[in-house]
């Protein structure tokens, strides 16, 4: 697991998320820890290293 600080596109607060870098990547929905609104987290991993990460609001 690897953690990253991201900024919520709903409330603009920074939160910490955990990413499983043992897989090639994932797309999943996680609620913001501050405002509880849903975020789409999408990331890719190359040879165990985080290659890309994007966070998009859901429901706007």
PDB file of N, CA and C in Angstrom:
ATOM      1  N   UNK A   1       0.843  -1.189   0.000  1.00  0.00           N
ATOM      2  CA  UNK A   1       0.000   0.000   0.000  1.00  0.00           C
ATOM      3  C   UNK A   1       0.884   1.246   0.000  1.00  0.00           C
ATOM      4  N   UNK A   2       0.359   2.254  -0.628  1.00  0.00           N
ATOM      5  CA  UNK A   2       1.033   3.549  -0.680  1.00  0.00           C
ATOM      6  C   UNK A   2      -0.027   4.609  -0.413  1.00  0.00           C
ATOM      7  N   UNK A   3       0.306   5.639   0.333  1.00  0.00           N
ATOM      8  CA  UNK A   3      -0.663   6.697   0.598  1.00  0.00           C
ATOM      9  C   UNK A   3      -0.303   7.944  -0.203  1.00  0.00           C
ATOM     10  N   UNK A   4      -1.330   8.691  -0.555  1.00  0.00           N
ATOM     11  CA  UNK A   4      -1.169   9.950  -1.277  1.00  0.00           C
ATOM     12  C   UNK A   4      -2.142  10.966  -0.702  1.00  0.00           C
ATOM     13  N   UNK A   5      -1.714  12.200  -0.646  1.00  0.00           N
ATOM     14  CA  UNK A   5      -2.603  13.296  -0.276  1.00  0.00           C
ATOM     15  C   UNK A   5      -3.190  13.861  -1.555  1.00  0.00           C
ATOM     16  N   UNK A   6      -4.523  13.983  -1.575  1.00  0.00           N
ATOM     17  CA  UNK A   6      -5.211  14.538  -2.740  1.00  0.00           C
ATOM     18  C   UNK A   6      -6.130  15.659  -2.263  1.00  0.00           C
ATOM     19  N   UNK A   7      -6.528  16.503  -3.190  1.00  0.00           N
ATOM     20  CA  UNK A   7      -7.463  17.577  -2.868  1.00  0.00           C
ATOM     21  C   UNK A   7      -8.839  17.203  -3.399  1.00  0.00           C
ATOM     22  N   UNK A   8      -9.835  17.238  -2.531  1.00  0.00           N
ATOM     23  CA  UNK A   8     -11.207  16.916  -2.923  1.00  0.00           C
ATOM     24  C   UNK A   8     -11.715  17.988  -3.888  1.00  0.00           C
ATOM     25  N   UNK A   9     -12.232  17.595  -5.055  1.00  0.00           N
ATOM     26  CA  UNK A   9     -12.767  18.566  -5.999  1.00  0.00           C
ATOM     27  C   UNK A   9     -14.146  19.110  -5.608  1.00  0.00           C
ATOM     28  N   UNK A  10     -14.718  18.598  -4.537  1.00  0.00           N
ATOM     29  CA  UNK A  10     -15.996  19.110  -4.036  1.00  0.00           C
ATOM     30  C   UNK A  10     -15.768  20.215  -3.002  1.00  0.00           C
ATOM     31  N   UNK A  11     -14.987  19.914  -1.954  1.00  0.00           N
ATOM     32  CA  UNK A  11     -14.822  20.856  -0.837  1.00  0.00           C
ATOM     33  C   UNK A  11     -13.431  21.490  -0.780  1.00  0.00           C
ATOM     34  N   UNK A  12     -12.515  21.025  -1.627  1.00  0.00           N
ATOM     35  CA  UNK A  12     -11.147  21.549  -1.754  1.00  0.00           C
ATOM     36  C   UNK A  12     -10.249  21.265  -0.552  1.00  0.00           C
ATOM     37  N   UNK A  13     -10.700  20.418   0.362  1.00  0.00           N
ATOM     38  CA  UNK A  13      -9.857  20.013   1.496  1.00  0.00           C
ATOM     39  C   UNK A  13      -8.920  18.892   1.048  1.00  0.00           C
ATOM     40  N   UNK A  14      -7.777  18.795   1.708  1.00  0.00           N
ATOM     41  CA  UNK A  14      -6.840  17.707   1.421  1.00  0.00           C
ATOM     42  C   UNK A  14      -7.168  16.494   2.282  1.00  0.00           C
ATOM     43  N   UNK A  15      -7.159  15.313   1.653  1.00  0.00           N
ATOM     44  CA  UNK A  15      -7.394  14.055   2.355  1.00  0.00           C
ATOM     45  C   UNK A  15      -6.307  13.065   1.936  1.00  0.00           C
ATOM     46  N   UNK A  16      -6.137  12.017   2.711  1.00  0.00           N
ATOM     47  CA  UNK A  16      -5.157  10.984   2.402  1.00  0.00           C
ATOM     48  C   UNK A  16      -5.885   9.723   1.966  1.00  0.00           C
ATOM     49  N   UNK A  17      -5.451   9.170   0.835  1.00  0.00           N
ATOM     50  CA  UNK A  17      -6.032   7.923   0.348  1.00  0.00           C
ATOM     51  C   UNK A  17      -4.926   6.862   0.286  1.00  0.00           C
ATOM     52  N   UNK A  18      -5.317   5.597   0.359  1.00  0.00           N
ATOM     53  CA  UNK A  18      -4.383   4.478   0.252  1.00  0.00           C
ATOM     54  C   UNK A  18      -4.559   3.814  -1.105  1.00  0.00           C
ATOM     55  N   UNK A  19      -3.449   3.546  -1.772  1.00  0.00           N
ATOM     56  CA  UNK A  19      -3.466   2.924  -3.094  1.00  0.00           C
ATOM     57  C   UNK A  19      -2.715   1.602  -3.038  1.00  0.00           C
ATOM     58  N   UNK A  20      -3.304   0.575  -3.632  1.00  0.00           N
ATOM     59  CA  UNK A  20      -2.685  -0.743  -3.671  1.00  0.00           C
ATOM     60  C   UNK A  20      -1.777  -0.808  -4.894  1.00  0.00           C
ATOM     61  N   UNK A  21      -0.464  -0.639  -4.698  1.00  0.00           N
ATOM     62  CA  UNK A  21       0.465  -0.635  -5.823  1.00  0.00           C
ATOM     63  C   UNK A  21       0.907  -2.044  -6.231  1.00  0.00           C
ATOM     64  N   UNK A  22       0.317  -3.070  -5.618  1.00  0.00           N
ATOM     65  CA  UNK A  22       0.641  -4.450  -6.014  1.00  0.00           C
ATOM     66  C   UNK A  22      -0.177  -4.889  -7.229  1.00  0.00           C
ATOM     67  N   UNK A  23      -1.122  -4.058  -7.664  1.00  0.00           N
ATOM     68  CA  UNK A  23      -1.912  -4.335  -8.869  1.00  0.00           C
ATOM     69  C   UNK A  23      -1.547  -3.305  -9.938  1.00  0.00           C
ATOM     70  N   UNK A  24      -1.934  -3.559 -11.197  1.00  0.00           N
ATOM     71  CA  UNK A  24      -1.579  -2.660 -12.298  1.00  0.00           C
ATOM     72  C   UNK A  24      -2.336  -1.341 -12.276  1.00  0.00           C
ATOM     73  N   UNK A  25      -3.360  -1.258 -11.455  1.00  0.00           N
ATOM     74  CA  UNK A  25      -4.157  -0.035 -11.367  1.00  0.00           C
ATOM     75  C   UNK A  25      -5.595  -0.358 -11.046  1.00  0.00           C
ATOM     76  N   UNK A  26      -6.333   0.674 -10.721  1.00  0.00           N
ATOM     77  CA  UNK A  26      -7.743   0.505 -10.368  1.00  0.00           C
ATOM     78  C   UNK A  26      -8.504   1.785 -10.665  1.00  0.00           C
ATOM     79  N   UNK A  27      -9.799   1.628 -10.800  1.00  0.00           N
ATOM     80  CA  UNK A  27     -10.745   2.740 -10.806  1.00  0.00           C
ATOM     81  C   UNK A  27     -11.806   2.379  -9.793  1.00  0.00           C
ATOM     82  N   UNK A  28     -12.028   3.262  -8.825  1.00  0.00           N
ATOM     83  CA  UNK A  28     -13.014   2.967  -7.796  1.00  0.00           C
ATOM     84  C   UNK A  28     -13.590   4.261  -7.244  1.00  0.00           C
ATOM     85  N   UNK A  29     -14.661   4.142  -6.481  1.00  0.00           N
ATOM     86  CA  UNK A  29     -15.324   5.288  -5.861  1.00  0.00           C
ATOM     87  C   UNK A  29     -15.030   5.274  -4.373  1.00  0.00           C
ATOM     88  N   UNK A  30     -14.649   6.436  -3.856  1.00  0.00           N
ATOM     89  CA  UNK A  30     -14.392   6.596  -2.427  1.00  0.00           C
ATOM     90  C   UNK A  30     -14.983   7.930  -1.994  1.00  0.00           C
ATOM     91  N   UNK A  31     -15.590   7.960  -0.820  1.00  0.00           N
ATOM     92  CA  UNK A  31     -16.158   9.202  -0.305  1.00  0.00           C
ATOM     93  C   UNK A  31     -15.073  10.058   0.333  1.00  0.00           C
ATOM     94  N   UNK A  32     -15.182  11.369   0.135  1.00  0.00           N
ATOM     95  CA  UNK A  32     -14.279  12.313   0.787  1.00  0.00           C
ATOM     96  C   UNK A  32     -14.441  12.179   2.304  1.00  0.00           C
ATOM     97  N   UNK A  33     -13.337  12.154   3.021  1.00  0.00           N
ATOM     98  CA  UNK A  33     -13.365  12.015   4.474  1.00  0.00           C
ATOM     99  C   UNK A  33     -13.867  13.278   5.169  1.00  0.00           C
ATOM    100  N   UNK A  34     -13.919  14.404   4.444  1.00  0.00           N
ATOM    101  CA  UNK A  34     -14.360  15.671   5.032  1.00  0.00           C
ATOM    102  C   UNK A  34     -15.825  15.953   4.702  1.00  0.00           C
ATOM    103  N   UNK A  35     -16.164  15.973   3.400  1.00  0.00           N
ATOM    104  CA  UNK A  35     -17.526  16.364   3.001  1.00  0.00           C
ATOM    105  C   UNK A  35     -18.429  15.177   2.664  1.00  0.00           C
ATOM    106  N   UNK A  36     -17.864  13.972   2.620  1.00  0.00           N
ATOM    107  CA  UNK A  36     -18.611  12.722   2.365  1.00  0.00           C
ATOM    108  C   UNK A  36     -19.184  12.614   0.958  1.00  0.00           C
ATOM    109  N   UNK A  37     -18.750  13.449   0.038  1.00  0.00           N
ATOM    110  CA  UNK A  37     -19.231  13.352  -1.335  1.00  0.00           C
ATOM    111  C   UNK A  37     -18.340  12.382  -2.114  1.00  0.00           C
ATOM    112  N   UNK A  38     -18.897  11.707  -3.123  1.00  0.00           N
ATOM    113  CA  UNK A  38     -18.153  10.663  -3.828  1.00  0.00           C
ATOM    114  C   UNK A  38     -17.103  11.211  -4.797  1.00  0.00           C
ATOM    115  N   UNK A  39     -15.983  10.476  -4.845  1.00  0.00           N
ATOM    116  CA  UNK A  39     -14.884  10.789  -5.753  1.00  0.00           C
ATOM    117  C   UNK A  39     -14.562   9.546  -6.573  1.00  0.00           C
ATOM    118  N   UNK A  40     -14.251   9.731  -7.836  1.00  0.00           N
ATOM    119  CA  UNK A  40     -13.765   8.622  -8.646  1.00  0.00           C
ATOM    120  C   UNK A  40     -12.241   8.691  -8.647  1.00  0.00           C
ATOM    121  N   UNK A  41     -11.624   7.652  -8.109  1.00  0.00           N
ATOM    122  CA  UNK A  41     -10.178   7.549  -8.041  1.00  0.00           C
ATOM    123  C   UNK A  41      -9.731   6.601  -9.151  1.00  0.00           C
ATOM    124  N   UNK A  42      -8.807   7.041  -9.987  1.00  0.00           N
ATOM    125  CA  UNK A  42      -8.294   6.216 -11.076  1.00  0.00           C
ATOM    126  C   UNK A  42      -6.771   6.311 -11.054  1.00  0.00           C
ATOM    127  N   UNK A  43      -6.102   5.158 -11.016  1.00  0.00           N
ATOM    128  CA  UNK A  43      -4.647   5.185 -11.015  1.00  0.00           C
ATOM    129  C   UNK A  43      -4.075   3.983 -11.751  1.00  0.00           C
ATOM    130  N   UNK A  44      -2.838   4.144 -12.216  1.00  0.00           N
ATOM    131  CA  UNK A  44      -2.106   3.057 -12.862  1.00  0.00           C
ATOM    132  C   UNK A  44      -0.758   2.891 -12.175  1.00  0.00           C
ATOM    133  N   UNK A  45      -0.272   1.670 -12.219  1.00  0.00           N
ATOM    134  CA  UNK A  45       1.000   1.315 -11.592  1.00  0.00           C
ATOM    135  C   UNK A  45       1.865   0.633 -12.641  1.00  0.00           C
ATOM    136  N   UNK A  46       3.136   1.006 -12.697  1.00  0.00           N
ATOM    137  CA  UNK A  46       4.095   0.385 -13.596  1.00  0.00           C
ATOM    138  C   UNK A  46       5.255  -0.148 -12.773  1.00  0.00           C
ATOM    139  N   UNK A  47       5.455  -1.435 -12.802  1.00  0.00           N
ATOM    140  CA  UNK A  47       6.531  -2.118 -12.071  1.00  0.00           C
ATOM    141  C   UNK A  47       6.558  -1.724 -10.589  1.00  0.00           C
ATOM    142  N   UNK A  48       5.384  -1.691  -9.986  1.00  0.00           N
ATOM    143  CA  UNK A  48       5.271  -1.414  -8.566  1.00  0.00           C
ATOM    144  C   UNK A  48       5.365   0.048  -8.176  1.00  0.00           C
ATOM    145  N   UNK A  49       5.423   0.946  -9.170  1.00  0.00           N
ATOM    146  CA  UNK A  49       5.539   2.381  -8.919  1.00  0.00           C
ATOM    147  C   UNK A  49       4.303   3.080  -9.476  1.00  0.00           C
ATOM    148  N   UNK A  50       3.724   3.980  -8.696  1.00  0.00           N
ATOM    149  CA  UNK A  50       2.560   4.731  -9.140  1.00  0.00           C
ATOM    150  C   UNK A  50       2.923   5.564 -10.372  1.00  0.00           C
ATOM    151  N   UNK A  51       2.233   5.321 -11.480  1.00  0.00           N
ATOM    152  CA  UNK A  51       2.527   6.006 -12.729  1.00  0.00           C
ATOM    153  C   UNK A  51       1.587   7.182 -12.990  1.00  0.00           C
ATOM    154  N   UNK A  52       0.314   7.033 -12.613  1.00  0.00           N
ATOM    155  CA  UNK A  52      -0.650   8.122 -12.796  1.00  0.00           C
ATOM    156  C   UNK A  52      -1.743   8.031 -11.753  1.00  0.00           C
ATOM    157  N   UNK A  53      -2.312   9.180 -11.426  1.00  0.00           N
ATOM    158  CA  UNK A  53      -3.398   9.257 -10.457  1.00  0.00           C
ATOM    159  C   UNK A  53      -4.303  10.398 -10.847  1.00  0.00           C
ATOM    160  N   UNK A  54      -5.604  10.122 -10.936  1.00  0.00           N
ATOM    161  CA  UNK A  54      -6.568  11.195 -11.189  1.00  0.00           C
ATOM    162  C   UNK A  54      -7.733  11.048 -10.232  1.00  0.00           C
ATOM    163  N   UNK A  55      -8.287  12.194  -9.862  1.00  0.00           N
ATOM    164  CA  UNK A  55      -9.427  12.252  -8.947  1.00  0.00           C
ATOM    165  C   UNK A  55     -10.484  13.129  -9.606  1.00  0.00           C
ATOM    166  N   UNK A  56     -11.691  12.590  -9.747  1.00  0.00           N
ATOM    167  CA  UNK A  56     -12.780  13.334 -10.369  1.00  0.00           C
ATOM    168  C   UNK A  56     -14.005  13.336  -9.458  1.00  0.00           C
ATOM    169  N   UNK A  57     -14.722  14.475  -9.436  1.00  0.00           N
ATOM    170  CA  UNK A  57     -15.954  14.515  -8.632  1.00  0.00           C
ATOM    171  C   UNK A  57     -17.046  13.706  -9.297  1.00  0.00           C
ATOM    172  N   UNK A  58     -17.910  13.132  -8.509  1.00  0.00           N
ATOM    173  CA  UNK A  58     -19.091  12.432  -9.009  1.00  0.00           C
ATOM    174  C   UNK A  58     -20.315  13.195  -8.521  1.00  0.00           C
ATOM    175  N   UNK A  59     -21.253  13.424  -9.426  1.00  0.00           N
ATOM    176  CA  UNK A  59     -22.498  14.055  -9.024  1.00  0.00           C
ATOM    177  C   UNK A  59     -22.515  15.568  -9.129  1.00  0.00           C
ATOM    178  N   UNK A  60     -21.683  16.121  -9.991  1.00  0.00           N
ATOM    179  CA  UNK A  60     -21.725  17.566 -10.190  1.00  0.00           C
ATOM    180  C   UNK A  60     -22.334  17.879 -11.502  1.00  0.00           C
TER     181      UNK A  60
END
